[in-house]
Amino acid sequence: MFRELTPDERQVLADRLAIQGVTPQQFAKAQELARTLSGALARACGDVTGRSVTPVEFIEEVLGVEGAGRLVVYALREVAGRRDLYRDV
């Protein structure tokens, strides 16, 4: 199971994103987009495997920590319109 970020870790992330010009609103929107994407991916995985797969199971079993982070960064790029965010964040 993945752990939640601590308040200090969230603040560091928010500060780093702000330096890159990402607003808290954009980050919140990107998180929602990432949740929507993981839900769609989980449904597709379930359709292919023939079993029900929740978004959390998909993240834990398929994407892992790095993949989940990449999904959020992808969503941030879409929301913020910044294709260079992955190497900057």
PDB file of N, CA and C in Angstrom:
ATOM      1  N   MET A   1       0.844  -1.170   0.000  1.00  0.00           N
ATOM      2  CA  MET A   1       0.000   0.000   0.000  1.00  0.00           C
ATOM      3  C   MET A   1       0.890   1.233   0.000  1.00  0.00           C
ATOM      4  N   PHE A   2       0.477   2.235  -0.744  1.00  0.00           N
ATOM      5  CA  PHE A   2       1.245   3.476  -0.804  1.00  0.00           C
ATOM      6  C   PHE A   2       0.835   4.388   0.341  1.00  0.00           C
ATOM      7  N   ARG A   3       1.771   5.139   0.819  1.00  0.00           N
ATOM      8  CA  ARG A   3       1.457   6.057   1.905  1.00  0.00           C
ATOM      9  C   ARG A   3       1.137   7.438   1.336  1.00  0.00           C
ATOM     10  N   GLU A   4       0.421   8.202   2.117  1.00  0.00           N
ATOM     11  CA  GLU A   4       0.129   9.589   1.755  1.00  0.00           C
ATOM     12  C   GLU A   4       1.362  10.436   2.044  1.00  0.00           C
ATOM     13  N   LEU A   5       1.496  11.531   1.317  1.00  0.00           N
ATOM     14  CA  LEU A   5       2.585  12.461   1.603  1.00  0.00           C
ATOM     15  C   LEU A   5       2.340  13.123   2.959  1.00  0.00           C
ATOM     16  N   THR A   6       3.409  13.372   3.685  1.00  0.00           N
ATOM     17  CA  THR A   6       3.290  14.109   4.936  1.00  0.00           C
ATOM     18  C   THR A   6       3.019  15.575   4.603  1.00  0.00           C
ATOM     19  N   PRO A   7       2.545  16.357   5.559  1.00  0.00           N
ATOM     20  CA  PRO A   7       2.340  17.777   5.302  1.00  0.00           C
ATOM     21  C   PRO A   7       3.618  18.477   4.819  1.00  0.00           C
ATOM     22  N   ASP A   8       4.761  18.119   5.407  1.00  0.00           N
ATOM     23  CA  ASP A   8       6.026  18.723   4.970  1.00  0.00           C
ATOM     24  C   ASP A   8       6.354  18.345   3.530  1.00  0.00           C
ATOM     25  N   GLU A   9       6.124  17.078   3.175  1.00  0.00           N
ATOM     26  CA  GLU A   9       6.388  16.633   1.801  1.00  0.00           C
ATOM     27  C   GLU A   9       5.455  17.331   0.818  1.00  0.00           C
ATOM     28  N   ARG A  10       4.178  17.491   1.213  1.00  0.00           N
ATOM     29  CA  ARG A  10       3.225  18.203   0.344  1.00  0.00           C
ATOM     30  C   ARG A  10       3.665  19.647   0.136  1.00  0.00           C
ATOM     31  N   GLN A  11       4.174  20.272   1.201  1.00  0.00           N
ATOM     32  CA  GLN A  11       4.619  21.663   1.082  1.00  0.00           C
ATOM     33  C   GLN A  11       5.826  21.776   0.156  1.00  0.00           C
ATOM     34  N   VAL A  12       6.768  20.858   0.280  1.00  0.00           N
ATOM     35  CA  VAL A  12       7.939  20.857  -0.604  1.00  0.00           C
ATOM     36  C   VAL A  12       7.491  20.694  -2.051  1.00  0.00           C
ATOM     37  N   LEU A  13       6.574  19.757  -2.288  1.00  0.00           N
ATOM     38  CA  LEU A  13       6.066  19.548  -3.640  1.00  0.00           C
ATOM     39  C   LEU A  13       5.363  20.801  -4.151  1.00  0.00           C
ATOM     40  N   ALA A  14       4.519  21.405  -3.327  1.00  0.00           N
ATOM     41  CA  ALA A  14       3.810  22.623  -3.731  1.00  0.00           C
ATOM     42  C   ALA A  14       4.790  23.744  -4.067  1.00  0.00           C
ATOM     43  N   ASP A  15       5.833  23.874  -3.257  1.00  0.00           N
ATOM     44  CA  ASP A  15       6.850  24.907  -3.507  1.00  0.00           C
ATOM     45  C   ASP A  15       7.576  24.656  -4.826  1.00  0.00           C
ATOM     46  N   ARG A  16       7.940  23.393  -5.081  1.00  0.00           N
ATOM     47  CA  ARG A  16       8.645  23.068  -6.330  1.00  0.00           C
ATOM     48  C   ARG A  16       7.748  23.295  -7.539  1.00  0.00           C
ATOM     49  N   LEU A  17       6.474  22.959  -7.398  1.00  0.00           N
ATOM     50  CA  LEU A  17       5.540  23.191  -8.504  1.00  0.00           C
ATOM     51  C   LEU A  17       5.334  24.683  -8.737  1.00  0.00           C
ATOM     52  N   ALA A  18       5.238  25.451  -7.646  1.00  0.00           N
ATOM     53  CA  ALA A  18       5.059  26.903  -7.776  1.00  0.00           C
ATOM     54  C   ALA A  18       6.243  27.540  -8.493  1.00  0.00           C
ATOM     55  N   ILE A  19       7.435  27.061  -8.218  1.00  0.00           N
ATOM     56  CA  ILE A  19       8.628  27.569  -8.910  1.00  0.00           C
ATOM     57  C   ILE A  19       8.503  27.337 -10.412  1.00  0.00           C
ATOM     58  N   GLN A  20       7.856  26.221 -10.776  1.00  0.00           N
ATOM     59  CA  GLN A  20       7.664  25.885 -12.192  1.00  0.00           C
ATOM     60  C   GLN A  20       6.429  26.564 -12.788  1.00  0.00           C
ATOM     61  N   GLY A  21       5.723  27.363 -11.983  1.00  0.00           N
ATOM     62  CA  GLY A  21       4.557  28.093 -12.478  1.00  0.00           C
ATOM     63  C   GLY A  21       3.252  27.319 -12.416  1.00  0.00           C
ATOM     64  N   VAL A  22       3.223  26.230 -11.636  1.00  0.00           N
ATOM     65  CA  VAL A  22       2.001  25.443 -11.487  1.00  0.00           C
ATOM     66  C   VAL A  22       1.267  25.936 -10.246  1.00  0.00           C
ATOM     67  N   THR A  23       0.015  26.330 -10.435  1.00  0.00           N
ATOM     68  CA  THR A  23      -0.786  26.831  -9.322  1.00  0.00           C
ATOM     69  C   THR A  23      -1.382  25.672  -8.529  1.00  0.00           C
ATOM     70  N   PRO A  24      -1.786  25.933  -7.281  1.00  0.00           N
ATOM     71  CA  PRO A  24      -2.460  24.883  -6.506  1.00  0.00           C
ATOM     72  C   PRO A  24      -3.727  24.382  -7.208  1.00  0.00           C
ATOM     73  N   GLN A  25      -4.437  25.266  -7.890  1.00  0.00           N
ATOM     74  CA  GLN A  25      -5.637  24.870  -8.616  1.00  0.00           C
ATOM     75  C   GLN A  25      -5.304  23.920  -9.770  1.00  0.00           C
ATOM     76  N   GLN A  26      -4.221  24.205 -10.478  1.00  0.00           N
ATOM     77  CA  GLN A  26      -3.799  23.323 -11.564  1.00  0.00           C
ATOM     78  C   GLN A  26      -3.389  21.957 -11.014  1.00  0.00           C
ATOM     79  N   PHE A  27      -2.710  21.952  -9.884  1.00  0.00           N
ATOM     80  CA  PHE A  27      -2.300  20.690  -9.285  1.00  0.00           C
ATOM     81  C   PHE A  27      -3.523  19.877  -8.873  1.00  0.00           C
ATOM     82  N   ALA A  28      -4.505  20.527  -8.256  1.00  0.00           N
ATOM     83  CA  ALA A  28      -5.735  19.834  -7.854  1.00  0.00           C
ATOM     84  C   ALA A  28      -6.448  19.269  -9.081  1.00  0.00           C
ATOM     85  N   LYS A  29      -6.510  20.047 -10.157  1.00  0.00           N
ATOM     86  CA  LYS A  29      -7.147  19.579 -11.389  1.00  0.00           C
ATOM     87  C   LYS A  29      -6.366  18.400 -11.984  1.00  0.00           C
ATOM     88  N   ALA A  30      -5.056  18.456 -11.920  1.00  0.00           N
ATOM     89  CA  ALA A  30      -4.223  17.366 -12.431  1.00  0.00           C
ATOM     90  C   ALA A  30      -4.421  16.101 -11.603  1.00  0.00           C
ATOM     91  N   GLN A  31      -4.553  16.243 -10.294  1.00  0.00           N
ATOM     92  CA  GLN A  31      -4.803  15.076  -9.447  1.00  0.00           C
ATOM     93  C   GLN A  31      -6.127  14.419  -9.823  1.00  0.00           C
ATOM     94  N   GLU A  32      -7.148  15.224 -10.080  1.00  0.00           N
ATOM     95  CA  GLU A  32      -8.446  14.681 -10.478  1.00  0.00           C
ATOM     96  C   GLU A  32      -8.344  13.984 -11.832  1.00  0.00           C
ATOM     97  N   LEU A  33      -7.620  14.584 -12.766  1.00  0.00           N
ATOM     98  CA  LEU A  33      -7.417  13.961 -14.076  1.00  0.00           C
ATOM     99  C   LEU A  33      -6.675  12.631 -13.929  1.00  0.00           C
ATOM    100  N   ALA A  34      -5.659  12.597 -13.079  1.00  0.00           N
ATOM    101  CA  ALA A  34      -4.909  11.358 -12.850  1.00  0.00           C
ATOM    102  C   ALA A  34      -5.812  10.278 -12.252  1.00  0.00           C
ATOM    103  N   ARG A  35      -6.715  10.671 -11.344  1.00  0.00           N
ATOM    104  CA  ARG A  35      -7.667   9.701 -10.776  1.00  0.00           C
ATOM    105  C   ARG A  35      -8.594   9.162 -11.868  1.00  0.00           C
ATOM    106  N   THR A  36      -9.058  10.046 -12.737  1.00  0.00           N
ATOM    107  CA  THR A  36      -9.921   9.630 -13.844  1.00  0.00           C
ATOM    108  C   THR A  36      -9.183   8.687 -14.785  1.00  0.00           C
ATOM    109  N   LEU A  37      -7.936   9.024 -15.091  1.00  0.00           N
ATOM    110  CA  LEU A  37      -7.130   8.168 -15.965  1.00  0.00           C
ATOM    111  C   LEU A  37      -6.892   6.796 -15.339  1.00  0.00           C
ATOM    112  N   SER A  38      -6.562   6.766 -14.055  1.00  0.00           N
ATOM    113  CA  SER A  38      -6.310   5.473 -13.414  1.00  0.00           C
ATOM    114  C   SER A  38      -7.586   4.641 -13.366  1.00  0.00           C
ATOM    115  N   GLY A  39      -8.726   5.287 -13.207  1.00  0.00           N
ATOM    116  CA  GLY A  39      -9.995   4.553 -13.227  1.00  0.00           C
ATOM    117  C   GLY A  39     -10.261   3.939 -14.589  1.00  0.00           C
ATOM    118  N   ALA A  40     -10.006   4.715 -15.637  1.00  0.00           N
ATOM    119  CA  ALA A  40     -10.205   4.205 -16.997  1.00  0.00           C
ATOM    120  C   ALA A  40      -9.232   3.068 -17.310  1.00  0.00           C
ATOM    121  N   LEU A  41      -7.993   3.229 -16.881  1.00  0.00           N
ATOM    122  CA  LEU A  41      -7.000   2.173 -17.096  1.00  0.00           C
ATOM    123  C   LEU A  41      -7.363   0.906 -16.319  1.00  0.00           C
ATOM    124  N   ALA A  42      -7.860   1.064 -15.103  1.00  0.00           N
ATOM    125  CA  ALA A  42      -8.268  -0.092 -14.296  1.00  0.00           C
ATOM    126  C   ALA A  42      -9.426  -0.827 -14.956  1.00  0.00           C
ATOM    127  N   ARG A  43     -10.399  -0.074 -15.471  1.00  0.00           N
ATOM    128  CA  ARG A  43     -11.523  -0.714 -16.161  1.00  0.00           C
ATOM    129  C   ARG A  43     -11.049  -1.473 -17.387  1.00  0.00           C
ATOM    130  N   ALA A  44     -10.149  -0.858 -18.158  1.00  0.00           N
ATOM    131  CA  ALA A  44      -9.617  -1.526 -19.349  1.00  0.00           C
ATOM    132  C   ALA A  44      -8.859  -2.799 -18.959  1.00  0.00           C
ATOM    133  N   CYS A  45      -8.081  -2.725 -17.910  1.00  0.00           N
ATOM    134  CA  CYS A  45      -7.342  -3.896 -17.423  1.00  0.00           C
ATOM    135  C   CYS A  45      -8.325  -4.989 -17.003  1.00  0.00           C
ATOM    136  N   GLY A  46      -9.370  -4.610 -16.308  1.00  0.00           N
ATOM    137  CA  GLY A  46     -10.385  -5.573 -15.889  1.00  0.00           C
ATOM    138  C   GLY A  46     -11.098  -6.202 -17.069  1.00  0.00           C
ATOM    139  N   ASP A  47     -11.384  -5.406 -18.094  1.00  0.00           N
ATOM    140  CA  ASP A  47     -12.024  -5.942 -19.297  1.00  0.00           C
ATOM    141  C   ASP A  47     -11.140  -6.982 -19.965  1.00  0.00           C
ATOM    142  N   VAL A  48      -9.861  -6.719 -20.021  1.00  0.00           N
ATOM    143  CA  VAL A  48      -8.928  -7.638 -20.685  1.00  0.00           C
ATOM    144  C   VAL A  48      -8.701  -8.895 -19.853  1.00  0.00           C
ATOM    145  N   THR A  49      -8.562  -8.730 -18.547  1.00  0.00           N
ATOM    146  CA  THR A  49      -8.259  -9.888 -17.695  1.00  0.00           C
ATOM    147  C   THR A  49      -9.508 -10.661 -17.273  1.00  0.00           C
ATOM    148  N   GLY A  50     -10.659 -10.042 -17.426  1.00  0.00           N
ATOM    149  CA  GLY A  50     -11.901 -10.711 -17.047  1.00  0.00           C
ATOM    150  C   GLY A  50     -12.184 -10.690 -15.565  1.00  0.00           C
ATOM    151  N   ARG A  51     -11.520  -9.799 -14.835  1.00  0.00           N
ATOM    152  CA  ARG A  51     -11.800  -9.670 -13.403  1.00  0.00           C
ATOM    153  C   ARG A  51     -11.888  -8.189 -13.060  1.00  0.00           C
ATOM    154  N   SER A  52     -12.570  -7.903 -11.990  1.00  0.00           N
ATOM    155  CA  SER A  52     -12.713  -6.523 -11.558  1.00  0.00           C
ATOM    156  C   SER A  52     -11.388  -6.014 -10.985  1.00  0.00           C
ATOM    157  N   VAL A  53     -10.963  -4.854 -11.447  1.00  0.00           N
ATOM    158  CA  VAL A  53      -9.722  -4.245 -10.965  1.00  0.00           C
ATOM    159  C   VAL A  53     -10.043  -2.819 -10.540  1.00  0.00           C
ATOM    160  N   THR A  54      -9.774  -2.488  -9.287  1.00  0.00           N
ATOM    161  CA  THR A  54     -10.006  -1.127  -8.811  1.00  0.00           C
ATOM    162  C   THR A  54      -8.836  -0.233  -9.240  1.00  0.00           C
ATOM    163  N   PRO A  55      -9.051   1.084  -9.266  1.00  0.00           N
ATOM    164  CA  PRO A  55      -7.933   1.982  -9.579  1.00  0.00           C
ATOM    165  C   PRO A  55      -6.744   1.798  -8.632  1.00  0.00           C
ATOM    166  N   VAL A  56      -7.003   1.587  -7.342  1.00  0.00           N
ATOM    167  CA  VAL A  56      -5.909   1.395  -6.383  1.00  0.00           C
ATOM    168  C   VAL A  56      -5.153   0.104  -6.699  1.00  0.00           C
ATOM    169  N   GLU A  57      -5.884  -0.971  -7.002  1.00  0.00           N
ATOM    170  CA  GLU A  57      -5.226  -2.225  -7.374  1.00  0.00           C
ATOM    171  C   GLU A  57      -4.385  -2.040  -8.630  1.00  0.00           C
ATOM    172  N   PHE A  58      -4.922  -1.303  -9.593  1.00  0.00           N
ATOM    173  CA  PHE A  58      -4.176  -1.076 -10.830  1.00  0.00           C
ATOM    174  C   PHE A  58      -2.879  -0.329 -10.547  1.00  0.00           C
ATOM    175  N   ILE A  59      -2.979   0.713  -9.724  1.00  0.00           N
ATOM    176  CA  ILE A  59      -1.781   1.489  -9.366  1.00  0.00           C
ATOM    177  C   ILE A  59      -0.771   0.590  -8.659  1.00  0.00           C
ATOM    178  N   GLU A  60      -1.236  -0.161  -7.652  1.00  0.00           N
ATOM    179  CA  GLU A  60      -0.322  -0.986  -6.861  1.00  0.00           C
ATOM    180  C   GLU A  60       0.272  -2.142  -7.666  1.00  0.00           C
ATOM    181  N   GLU A  61      -0.563  -2.819  -8.465  1.00  0.00           N
ATOM    182  CA  GLU A  61      -0.132  -4.033  -9.153  1.00  0.00           C
ATOM    183  C   GLU A  61       0.535  -3.781 -10.503  1.00  0.00           C
ATOM    184  N   VAL A  62       0.180  -2.685 -11.154  1.00  0.00           N
ATOM    185  CA  VAL A  62       0.680  -2.465 -12.511  1.00  0.00           C
ATOM    186  C   VAL A  62       1.649  -1.283 -12.583  1.00  0.00           C
ATOM    187  N   LEU A  63       1.211  -0.130 -12.114  1.00  0.00           N
ATOM    188  CA  LEU A  63       2.040   1.070 -12.278  1.00  0.00           C
ATOM    189  C   LEU A  63       3.160   1.183 -11.251  1.00  0.00           C
ATOM    190  N   GLY A  64       2.884   0.872 -10.008  1.00  0.00           N
ATOM    191  CA  GLY A  64       3.860   1.076  -8.951  1.00  0.00           C
ATOM    192  C   GLY A  64       4.019   2.562  -8.654  1.00  0.00           C
ATOM    193  N   VAL A  65       4.909   2.874  -7.740  1.00  0.00           N
ATOM    194  CA  VAL A  65       5.109   4.257  -7.306  1.00  0.00           C
ATOM    195  C   VAL A  65       5.567   5.142  -8.459  1.00  0.00           C
ATOM    196  N   GLU A  66       6.578   4.698  -9.184  1.00  0.00           N
ATOM    197  CA  GLU A  66       7.108   5.504 -10.286  1.00  0.00           C
ATOM    198  C   GLU A  66       6.050   5.747 -11.355  1.00  0.00           C
ATOM    199  N   GLY A  67       5.324   4.698 -11.715  1.00  0.00           N
ATOM    200  CA  GLY A  67       4.289   4.832 -12.743  1.00  0.00           C
ATOM    201  C   GLY A  67       3.159   5.743 -12.301  1.00  0.00           C
ATOM    202  N   ALA A  68       2.776   5.652 -11.038  1.00  0.00           N
ATOM    203  CA  ALA A  68       1.730   6.527 -10.517  1.00  0.00           C
ATOM    204  C   ALA A  68       2.186   7.980 -10.565  1.00  0.00           C
ATOM    205  N   GLY A  69       3.444   8.214 -10.213  1.00  0.00           N
ATOM    206  CA  GLY A  69       3.988   9.573 -10.287  1.00  0.00           C
ATOM    207  C   GLY A  69       4.008  10.095 -11.717  1.00  0.00           C
ATOM    208  N   ARG A  70       4.353   9.230 -12.654  1.00  0.00           N
ATOM    209  CA  ARG A  70       4.362   9.634 -14.063  1.00  0.00           C
ATOM    210  C   ARG A  70       2.957   9.981 -14.534  1.00  0.00           C
ATOM    211  N   LEU A  71       1.952   9.266 -14.042  1.00  0.00           N
ATOM    212  CA  LEU A  71       0.576   9.566 -14.410  1.00  0.00           C
ATOM    213  C   LEU A  71       0.180  10.958 -13.934  1.00  0.00           C
ATOM    214  N   VAL A  72       0.572  11.313 -12.717  1.00  0.00           N
ATOM    215  CA  VAL A  72       0.277  12.649 -12.189  1.00  0.00           C
ATOM    216  C   VAL A  72       1.033  13.709 -12.987  1.00  0.00           C
ATOM    217  N   VAL A  73       2.289  13.451 -13.310  1.00  0.00           N
ATOM    218  CA  VAL A  73       3.069  14.414 -14.087  1.00  0.00           C
ATOM    219  C   VAL A  73       2.457  14.590 -15.474  1.00  0.00           C
ATOM    220  N   TYR A  74       2.019  13.499 -16.099  1.00  0.00           N
ATOM    221  CA  TYR A  74       1.350  13.596 -17.396  1.00  0.00           C
ATOM    222  C   TYR A  74       0.124  14.501 -17.278  1.00  0.00           C
ATOM    223  N   ALA A  75      -0.675  14.278 -16.227  1.00  0.00           N
ATOM    224  CA  ALA A  75      -1.859  15.102 -16.016  1.00  0.00           C
ATOM    225  C   ALA A  75      -1.473  16.558 -15.777  1.00  0.00           C
ATOM    226  N   LEU A  76      -0.396  16.792 -15.032  1.00  0.00           N
ATOM    227  CA  LEU A  76       0.081  18.167 -14.813  1.00  0.00           C
ATOM    228  C   LEU A  76       0.459  18.834 -16.132  1.00  0.00           C
ATOM    229  N   ARG A  77       1.139  18.100 -16.987  1.00  0.00           N
ATOM    230  CA  ARG A  77       1.502  18.651 -18.297  1.00  0.00           C
ATOM    231  C   ARG A  77       0.268  19.047 -19.078  1.00  0.00           C
ATOM    232  N   GLU A  78      -0.749  18.183 -19.059  1.00  0.00           N
ATOM    233  CA  GLU A  78      -1.982  18.471 -19.786  1.00  0.00           C
ATOM    234  C   GLU A  78      -2.685  19.707 -19.229  1.00  0.00           C
ATOM    235  N   VAL A  79      -2.780  19.774 -17.912  1.00  0.00           N
ATOM    236  CA  VAL A  79      -3.489  20.878 -17.257  1.00  0.00           C
ATOM    237  C   VAL A  79      -2.726  22.191 -17.408  1.00  0.00           C
ATOM    238  N   ALA A  80      -1.421  22.149 -17.187  1.00  0.00           N
ATOM    239  CA  ALA A  80      -0.604  23.370 -17.202  1.00  0.00           C
ATOM    240  C   ALA A  80      -0.110  23.740 -18.597  1.00  0.00           C
ATOM    241  N   GLY A  81      -0.225  22.798 -19.541  1.00  0.00           N
ATOM    242  CA  GLY A  81       0.269  23.079 -20.888  1.00  0.00           C
ATOM    243  C   GLY A  81       1.782  23.153 -20.961  1.00  0.00           C
ATOM    244  N   ARG A  82       2.452  22.447 -20.066  1.00  0.00           N
ATOM    245  CA  ARG A  82       3.924  22.474 -19.989  1.00  0.00           C
ATOM    246  C   ARG A  82       4.468  21.096 -20.272  1.00  0.00           C
ATOM    247  N   ARG A  83       5.037  20.891 -21.421  1.00  0.00           N
ATOM    248  CA  ARG A  83       5.556  19.582 -21.813  1.00  0.00           C
ATOM    249  C   ARG A  83       6.868  19.246 -21.137  1.00  0.00           C
ATOM    250  N   ASP A  84       7.507  20.216 -20.506  1.00  0.00           N
ATOM    251  CA  ASP A  84       8.831  20.001 -19.909  1.00  0.00           C
ATOM    252  C   ASP A  84       8.772  19.731 -18.402  1.00  0.00           C
ATOM    253  N   LEU A  85       7.582  19.589 -17.840  1.00  0.00           N
ATOM    254  CA  LEU A  85       7.484  19.472 -16.381  1.00  0.00           C
ATOM    255  C   LEU A  85       8.168  18.238 -15.804  1.00  0.00           C
ATOM    256  N   TYR A  86       8.153  17.124 -16.493  1.00  0.00           N
ATOM    257  CA  TYR A  86       8.688  15.901 -15.879  1.00  0.00           C
ATOM    258  C   TYR A  86      10.134  16.052 -15.461  1.00  0.00           C
ATOM    259  N   ARG A  87      10.949  16.627 -16.308  1.00  0.00           N
ATOM    260  CA  ARG A  87      12.359  16.732 -15.923  1.00  0.00           C
ATOM    261  C   ARG A  87      12.585  17.894 -14.947  1.00  0.00           C
ATOM    262  N   ASP A  88      11.642  18.821 -14.836  1.00  0.00           N
ATOM    263  CA  ASP A  88      11.794  19.955 -13.938  1.00  0.00           C
ATOM    264  C   ASP A  88      11.254  19.717 -12.536  1.00  0.00           C
ATOM    265  N   VAL A  89      10.297  18.788 -12.381  1.00  0.00           N
ATOM    266  CA  VAL A  89       9.662  18.572 -11.090  1.00  0.00           C
ATOM    267  C   VAL A  89      10.416  17.581 -10.349  1.00  0.00           C
TER     268      VAL A  89
END
